[in-house]
Amino acid sequence: MDLLTFLMQSPPLAEKCTAQDFAANWAVQHFLKGAQIVGQDDQSNTEFIILDGCLISQISDADGTEVCVSMSDGASILTPHIARTRNGRSLVSIEAATNVTVAHIDTKVLTDLMIASKPVRNWANDALREELARKADREWCLTALGGADRLTCLRDRYPDYEDIFTHAIIASFLGMTPVTLSRLRRDSDQK
């Protein structure tokens, strides 16, 4: 999907001239599968929109063990900068799970545009609100549901993800081992 079409899907930016003016501030970039877009603890001052392809966000501990905290596919807004950074440093690494096309903008430029334009401000606030709701849903799922129900929740919310992302990434995202995920998938397929 192209950036203008994506932006115009949002009610605050539905007017073509508003969306065109906003889109002019973004740059589009392509990454190959496996490319690291942002590394954990890297300086980061960028907002991203995934136009095509898939990204994963992971956190690594001191021993190098990675945990997937987000899987995203295009066309969508990646977790906003304010929710994935502290003191200008990325809390996560962001990697291309497939070949991916992203649009990006400097957070300072976006903030200035939000101050100057009510439609841009409303768009950005809607994006942040949606991400916070998505993160709260995932947190509830991980703490309140057993493994089988977590898998059902994933399938209900993201029906294509099992075909897009590796099972190791999905297992990590669901807070289980790949072996447990495999068993749960087998059990649910037999029902």
C-alpha atoms as a PDB file:
ATOM      1  CA  MET A   1       0.000   0.000   0.000  1.00  0.00           C
ATOM      2  CA  ASP A   2       1.233   3.505  -0.646  1.00  0.00           C
ATOM      3  CA  LEU A   3       1.552   6.022   2.189  1.00  0.00           C
ATOM      4  CA  LEU A   4      -1.118   8.446   0.953  1.00  0.00           C
ATOM      5  CA  THR A   5      -3.725   5.686   0.663  1.00  0.00           C
ATOM      6  CA  PHE A   6      -2.833   4.454   4.158  1.00  0.00           C
ATOM      7  CA  LEU A   7      -3.110   7.923   5.705  1.00  0.00           C
ATOM      8  CA  MET A   8      -6.402   8.695   3.982  1.00  0.00           C
ATOM      9  CA  GLN A   9      -8.005   5.612   5.593  1.00  0.00           C
ATOM     10  CA  SER A  10      -7.881   7.450   8.917  1.00  0.00           C
ATOM     11  CA  PRO A  11     -10.880   9.760   9.469  1.00  0.00           C
ATOM     12  CA  PRO A  12      -8.763  12.698  10.757  1.00  0.00           C
ATOM     13  CA  LEU A  13      -6.737  12.622   7.515  1.00  0.00           C
ATOM     14  CA  ALA A  14      -9.531  11.762   5.069  1.00  0.00           C
ATOM     15  CA  GLU A  15      -9.175  15.048   3.168  1.00  0.00           C
ATOM     16  CA  LYS A  16      -6.677  14.514   0.381  1.00  0.00           C
ATOM     17  CA  CYS A  17      -4.897  17.868   0.793  1.00  0.00           C
ATOM     18  CA  THR A  18      -4.364  17.255   4.532  1.00  0.00           C
ATOM     19  CA  ALA A  19      -3.064  13.731   3.924  1.00  0.00           C
ATOM     20  CA  GLN A  20      -0.816  14.886   1.061  1.00  0.00           C
ATOM     21  CA  ASP A  21       0.726  17.635   3.186  1.00  0.00           C
ATOM     22  CA  PHE A  22       1.327  15.158   6.011  1.00  0.00           C
ATOM     23  CA  ALA A  23       2.703  12.447   3.690  1.00  0.00           C
ATOM     24  CA  ALA A  24       5.254  14.892   2.255  1.00  0.00           C
ATOM     25  CA  ASN A  25       7.075  14.801   5.624  1.00  0.00           C
ATOM     26  CA  TRP A  26       7.635  11.027   5.561  1.00  0.00           C
ATOM     27  CA  ALA A  27      10.355   9.035   3.773  1.00  0.00           C
ATOM     28  CA  VAL A  28       9.823   5.516   2.420  1.00  0.00           C
ATOM     29  CA  GLN A  29      12.466   2.824   2.769  1.00  0.00           C
ATOM     30  CA  HIS A  30      12.727  -0.872   1.852  1.00  0.00           C
ATOM     31  CA  PHE A  31      14.424  -3.539   3.997  1.00  0.00           C
ATOM     32  CA  LEU A  32      15.207  -7.156   3.210  1.00  0.00           C
ATOM     33  CA  LYS A  33      14.020 -10.016   5.400  1.00  0.00           C
ATOM     34  CA  GLY A  34      16.237 -10.291   8.490  1.00  0.00           C
ATOM     35  CA  ALA A  35      17.366  -6.656   8.419  1.00  0.00           C
ATOM     36  CA  GLN A  36      17.493  -4.896  11.754  1.00  0.00           C
ATOM     37  CA  ILE A  37      15.545  -1.642  11.544  1.00  0.00           C
ATOM     38  CA  VAL A  38      16.384  -0.533  15.099  1.00  0.00           C
ATOM     39  CA  GLY A  39      18.575  -2.286  17.647  1.00  0.00           C
ATOM     40  CA  GLN A  40      17.757  -2.570  21.325  1.00  0.00           C
ATOM     41  CA  ASP A  41      19.440   0.319  23.186  1.00  0.00           C
ATOM     42  CA  ASP A  42      20.138   2.185  19.909  1.00  0.00           C
ATOM     43  CA  GLN A  43      19.433   5.912  19.712  1.00  0.00           C
ATOM     44  CA  SER A  44      15.942   6.091  18.260  1.00  0.00           C
ATOM     45  CA  ASN A  45      13.893   9.117  17.284  1.00  0.00           C
ATOM     46  CA  THR A  46      11.731   7.702  14.513  1.00  0.00           C
ATOM     47  CA  GLU A  47       8.089   6.787  14.009  1.00  0.00           C
ATOM     48  CA  PHE A  48       7.278   4.022  11.530  1.00  0.00           C
ATOM     49  CA  ILE A  49       4.357   2.958   9.361  1.00  0.00           C
ATOM     50  CA  ILE A  50       4.587  -0.504   7.818  1.00  0.00           C
ATOM     51  CA  LEU A  51       3.307  -0.194   4.262  1.00  0.00           C
ATOM     52  CA  ASP A  52       4.067  -3.746   3.168  1.00  0.00           C
ATOM     53  CA  GLY A  53       5.619  -6.755   4.878  1.00  0.00           C
ATOM     54  CA  CYS A  54       6.059  -7.758   8.516  1.00  0.00           C
ATOM     55  CA  LEU A  55       8.168  -6.634  11.464  1.00  0.00           C
ATOM     56  CA  ILE A  56       8.850  -8.173  14.866  1.00  0.00           C
ATOM     57  CA  SER A  57       9.864  -6.334  18.022  1.00  0.00           C
ATOM     58  CA  GLN A  58      11.957  -8.247  20.537  1.00  0.00           C
ATOM     59  CA  ILE A  59      13.607  -7.654  23.896  1.00  0.00           C
ATOM     60  CA  SER A  60      16.900  -9.369  24.707  1.00  0.00           C
ATOM     61  CA  ASP A  61      18.175 -10.057  28.211  1.00  0.00           C
ATOM     62  CA  ALA A  62      21.830  -9.901  29.283  1.00  0.00           C
ATOM     63  CA  ASP A  63      22.327 -13.532  28.182  1.00  0.00           C
ATOM     64  CA  GLY A  64      20.985 -12.809  24.690  1.00  0.00           C
ATOM     65  CA  THR A  65      17.657 -14.588  25.152  1.00  0.00           C
ATOM     66  CA  GLU A  66      15.092 -12.864  22.938  1.00  0.00           C
ATOM     67  CA  VAL A  67      11.401 -12.463  23.718  1.00  0.00           C
ATOM     68  CA  CYS A  68       8.983 -11.283  21.046  1.00  0.00           C
ATOM     69  CA  VAL A  69       6.814  -8.451  22.341  1.00  0.00           C
ATOM     70  CA  SER A  70       5.127  -7.477  19.080  1.00  0.00           C
ATOM     71  CA  MET A  71       4.399  -8.821  15.621  1.00  0.00           C
ATOM     72  CA  SER A  72       3.175  -6.299  13.045  1.00  0.00           C
ATOM     73  CA  ASP A  73       2.136  -6.554   9.433  1.00  0.00           C
ATOM     74  CA  GLY A  74       1.429  -3.945   6.795  1.00  0.00           C
ATOM     75  CA  ALA A  75      -0.368  -1.715   6.443  1.00  0.00           C
ATOM     76  CA  SER A  76      -0.171  -0.607  10.060  1.00  0.00           C
ATOM     77  CA  ILE A  77       1.510   1.750  12.482  1.00  0.00           C
ATOM     78  CA  LEU A  78       4.403   0.299  14.435  1.00  0.00           C
ATOM     79  CA  THR A  79       4.296   0.759  18.205  1.00  0.00           C
ATOM     80  CA  PRO A  80       4.691   4.525  18.686  1.00  0.00           C
ATOM     81  CA  HIS A  81       8.084   5.884  19.700  1.00  0.00           C
ATOM     82  CA  ILE A  82       6.887   7.007  23.139  1.00  0.00           C
ATOM     83  CA  ALA A  83       5.862   3.421  23.977  1.00  0.00           C
ATOM     84  CA  ARG A  84       9.068   1.735  22.756  1.00  0.00           C
ATOM     85  CA  THR A  85      11.829   4.088  23.918  1.00  0.00           C
ATOM     86  CA  ARG A  86      13.201   5.589  27.125  1.00  0.00           C
ATOM     87  CA  ASN A  87      15.518   8.593  27.178  1.00  0.00           C
ATOM     88  CA  GLY A  88      15.932   8.416  23.402  1.00  0.00           C
ATOM     89  CA  ARG A  89      17.024   4.750  23.421  1.00  0.00           C
ATOM     90  CA  SER A  90      15.071   1.852  21.976  1.00  0.00           C
ATOM     91  CA  LEU A  91      13.752  -0.684  24.468  1.00  0.00           C
ATOM     92  CA  VAL A  92      13.333  -3.234  21.664  1.00  0.00           C
ATOM     93  CA  SER A  93      15.029  -4.437  18.527  1.00  0.00           C
ATOM     94  CA  ILE A  94      12.882  -4.217  15.410  1.00  0.00           C
ATOM     95  CA  GLU A  95      13.579  -6.734  12.671  1.00  0.00           C
ATOM     96  CA  ALA A  96      12.108  -7.414   9.241  1.00  0.00           C
ATOM     97  CA  ALA A  97      10.350 -10.796   9.368  1.00  0.00           C
ATOM     98  CA  THR A  98       9.792 -10.501   5.598  1.00  0.00           C
ATOM     99  CA  ASN A  99      10.928  -8.033   2.980  1.00  0.00           C
ATOM    100  CA  VAL A 100       9.311  -4.847   4.222  1.00  0.00           C
ATOM    101  CA  THR A 101       8.528  -1.311   3.113  1.00  0.00           C
ATOM    102  CA  VAL A 102       8.204   1.305   5.830  1.00  0.00           C
ATOM    103  CA  ALA A 103       7.515   5.006   5.934  1.00  0.00           C
ATOM    104  CA  HIS A 104       9.338   6.892   8.663  1.00  0.00           C
ATOM    105  CA  ILE A 105       9.394  10.349  10.193  1.00  0.00           C
ATOM    106  CA  ASP A 106      11.505  12.000  12.882  1.00  0.00           C
ATOM    107  CA  THR A 107       9.561  12.267  16.148  1.00  0.00           C
ATOM    108  CA  LYS A 108      10.383  15.976  16.505  1.00  0.00           C
ATOM    109  CA  VAL A 109       8.966  16.676  13.046  1.00  0.00           C
ATOM    110  CA  LEU A 110       5.835  14.682  13.908  1.00  0.00           C
ATOM    111  CA  THR A 111       5.443  16.522  17.217  1.00  0.00           C
ATOM    112  CA  ASP A 112       5.740  19.882  15.443  1.00  0.00           C
ATOM    113  CA  LEU A 113       3.127  18.775  12.896  1.00  0.00           C
ATOM    114  CA  MET A 114       0.819  17.629  15.722  1.00  0.00           C
ATOM    115  CA  ILE A 115       1.076  21.057  17.333  1.00  0.00           C
ATOM    116  CA  ALA A 116       0.390  22.831  14.046  1.00  0.00           C
ATOM    117  CA  SER A 117      -2.388  20.563  12.713  1.00  0.00           C
ATOM    118  CA  LYS A 118      -5.440  19.260  14.551  1.00  0.00           C
ATOM    119  CA  PRO A 119      -6.018  16.429  12.009  1.00  0.00           C
ATOM    120  CA  VAL A 120      -2.412  15.220  12.457  1.00  0.00           C
ATOM    121  CA  ARG A 121      -2.731  15.504  16.244  1.00  0.00           C
ATOM    122  CA  ASN A 122      -5.972  13.484  16.193  1.00  0.00           C
ATOM    123  CA  TRP A 123      -4.404  10.863  13.909  1.00  0.00           C
ATOM    124  CA  ALA A 124      -1.383  10.459  16.195  1.00  0.00           C
ATOM    125  CA  ASN A 125      -3.524  10.332  19.344  1.00  0.00           C
ATOM    126  CA  ASP A 126      -5.756   7.680  17.739  1.00  0.00           C
ATOM    127  CA  ALA A 127      -2.657   5.625  16.859  1.00  0.00           C
ATOM    128  CA  LEU A 128      -1.331   5.814  20.414  1.00  0.00           C
ATOM    129  CA  ARG A 129      -4.730   4.960  21.907  1.00  0.00           C
ATOM    130  CA  GLU A 130      -5.056   1.901  19.630  1.00  0.00           C
ATOM    131  CA  GLU A 131      -1.564   0.695  20.552  1.00  0.00           C
ATOM    132  CA  LEU A 132      -2.197   1.073  24.268  1.00  0.00           C
ATOM    133  CA  ALA A 133      -5.422  -0.943  23.925  1.00  0.00           C
ATOM    134  CA  ARG A 134      -3.574  -3.637  21.941  1.00  0.00           C
ATOM    135  CA  LYS A 135      -0.818  -3.862  24.565  1.00  0.00           C
ATOM    136  CA  ALA A 136      -3.375  -4.037  27.394  1.00  0.00           C
ATOM    137  CA  ASP A 137      -5.199  -6.857  25.567  1.00  0.00           C
ATOM    138  CA  ARG A 138      -1.946  -8.800  25.173  1.00  0.00           C
ATOM    139  CA  GLU A 139      -0.984  -8.258  28.812  1.00  0.00           C
ATOM    140  CA  TRP A 140      -4.395  -9.505  29.932  1.00  0.00           C
ATOM    141  CA  CYS A 141      -4.130 -12.501  27.612  1.00  0.00           C
ATOM    142  CA  LEU A 142      -0.690 -13.477  28.930  1.00  0.00           C
ATOM    143  CA  THR A 143      -1.625 -13.152  32.583  1.00  0.00           C
ATOM    144  CA  ALA A 144      -5.214 -14.384  32.631  1.00  0.00           C
ATOM    145  CA  LEU A 145      -5.322 -17.158  30.029  1.00  0.00           C
ATOM    146  CA  GLY A 146      -3.782 -20.599  29.761  1.00  0.00           C
ATOM    147  CA  GLY A 147      -1.765 -21.651  26.732  1.00  0.00           C
ATOM    148  CA  ALA A 148      -4.652 -23.036  24.659  1.00  0.00           C
ATOM    149  CA  ASP A 149      -6.715 -19.890  25.232  1.00  0.00           C
ATOM    150  CA  ARG A 150      -3.740 -17.666  24.352  1.00  0.00           C
ATOM    151  CA  LEU A 151      -3.427 -19.500  21.035  1.00  0.00           C
ATOM    152  CA  THR A 152      -7.172 -19.097  20.424  1.00  0.00           C
ATOM    153  CA  CYS A 153      -6.882 -15.400  21.234  1.00  0.00           C
ATOM    154  CA  LEU A 154      -4.022 -15.008  18.729  1.00  0.00           C
ATOM    155  CA  ARG A 155      -5.986 -16.860  16.050  1.00  0.00           C
ATOM    156  CA  ASP A 156      -9.066 -14.711  16.654  1.00  0.00           C
ATOM    157  CA  ARG A 157      -7.205 -11.387  16.575  1.00  0.00           C
ATOM    158  CA  TYR A 158      -4.568 -12.217  13.968  1.00  0.00           C
ATOM    159  CA  PRO A 159      -5.914 -15.071  11.821  1.00  0.00           C
ATOM    160  CA  ASP A 160      -3.038 -14.998   9.289  1.00  0.00           C
ATOM    161  CA  TYR A 161      -0.114 -14.748  11.714  1.00  0.00           C
ATOM    162  CA  GLU A 162       0.515 -18.496  11.931  1.00  0.00           C
ATOM    163  CA  ASP A 163       1.149 -18.451   8.170  1.00  0.00           C
ATOM    164  CA  ILE A 164       3.313 -15.309   8.279  1.00  0.00           C
ATOM    165  CA  PHE A 165       5.542 -15.550  11.355  1.00  0.00           C
ATOM    166  CA  THR A 166       7.743 -18.446  12.456  1.00  0.00           C
ATOM    167  CA  HIS A 167       6.369 -20.684  15.171  1.00  0.00           C
ATOM    168  CA  ALA A 168       9.348 -19.814  17.397  1.00  0.00           C
ATOM    169  CA  ILE A 169       8.388 -16.115  17.208  1.00  0.00           C
ATOM    170  CA  ILE A 170       4.716 -16.880  17.854  1.00  0.00           C
ATOM    171  CA  ALA A 171       5.598 -19.104  20.823  1.00  0.00           C
ATOM    172  CA  SER A 172       7.772 -16.355  22.288  1.00  0.00           C
ATOM    173  CA  PHE A 173       4.999 -13.792  21.743  1.00  0.00           C
ATOM    174  CA  LEU A 174       2.524 -16.094  23.522  1.00  0.00           C
ATOM    175  CA  GLY A 175       4.904 -16.745  26.420  1.00  0.00           C
ATOM    176  CA  MET A 176       5.454 -20.443  25.775  1.00  0.00           C
ATOM    177  CA  THR A 177       8.039 -22.790  24.291  1.00  0.00           C
ATOM    178  CA  PRO A 178       7.870 -23.819  20.621  1.00  0.00           C
ATOM    179  CA  VAL A 179       7.230 -27.417  21.794  1.00  0.00           C
ATOM    180  CA  THR A 180       4.200 -26.293  23.814  1.00  0.00           C
ATOM    181  CA  LEU A 181       2.907 -24.264  20.866  1.00  0.00           C
ATOM    182  CA  SER A 182       3.307 -27.268  18.570  1.00  0.00           C
ATOM    183  CA  ARG A 183       1.369 -29.483  20.992  1.00  0.00           C
ATOM    184  CA  LEU A 184      -1.404 -26.894  21.397  1.00  0.00           C
ATOM    185  CA  ARG A 185      -1.666 -26.452  17.626  1.00  0.00           C
ATOM    186  CA  ARG A 186      -1.876 -30.214  17.137  1.00  0.00           C
ATOM    187  CA  ASP A 187      -4.495 -30.580  19.879  1.00  0.00           C
ATOM    188  CA  SER A 188      -6.634 -27.729  18.517  1.00  0.00           C
ATOM    189  CA  ASP A 189      -6.422 -29.083  14.962  1.00  0.00           C
ATOM    190  CA  GLN A 190      -7.691 -32.476  16.162  1.00  0.00           C
ATOM    191  CA  LYS A 191     -10.843 -30.971  17.685  1.00  0.00           C
END
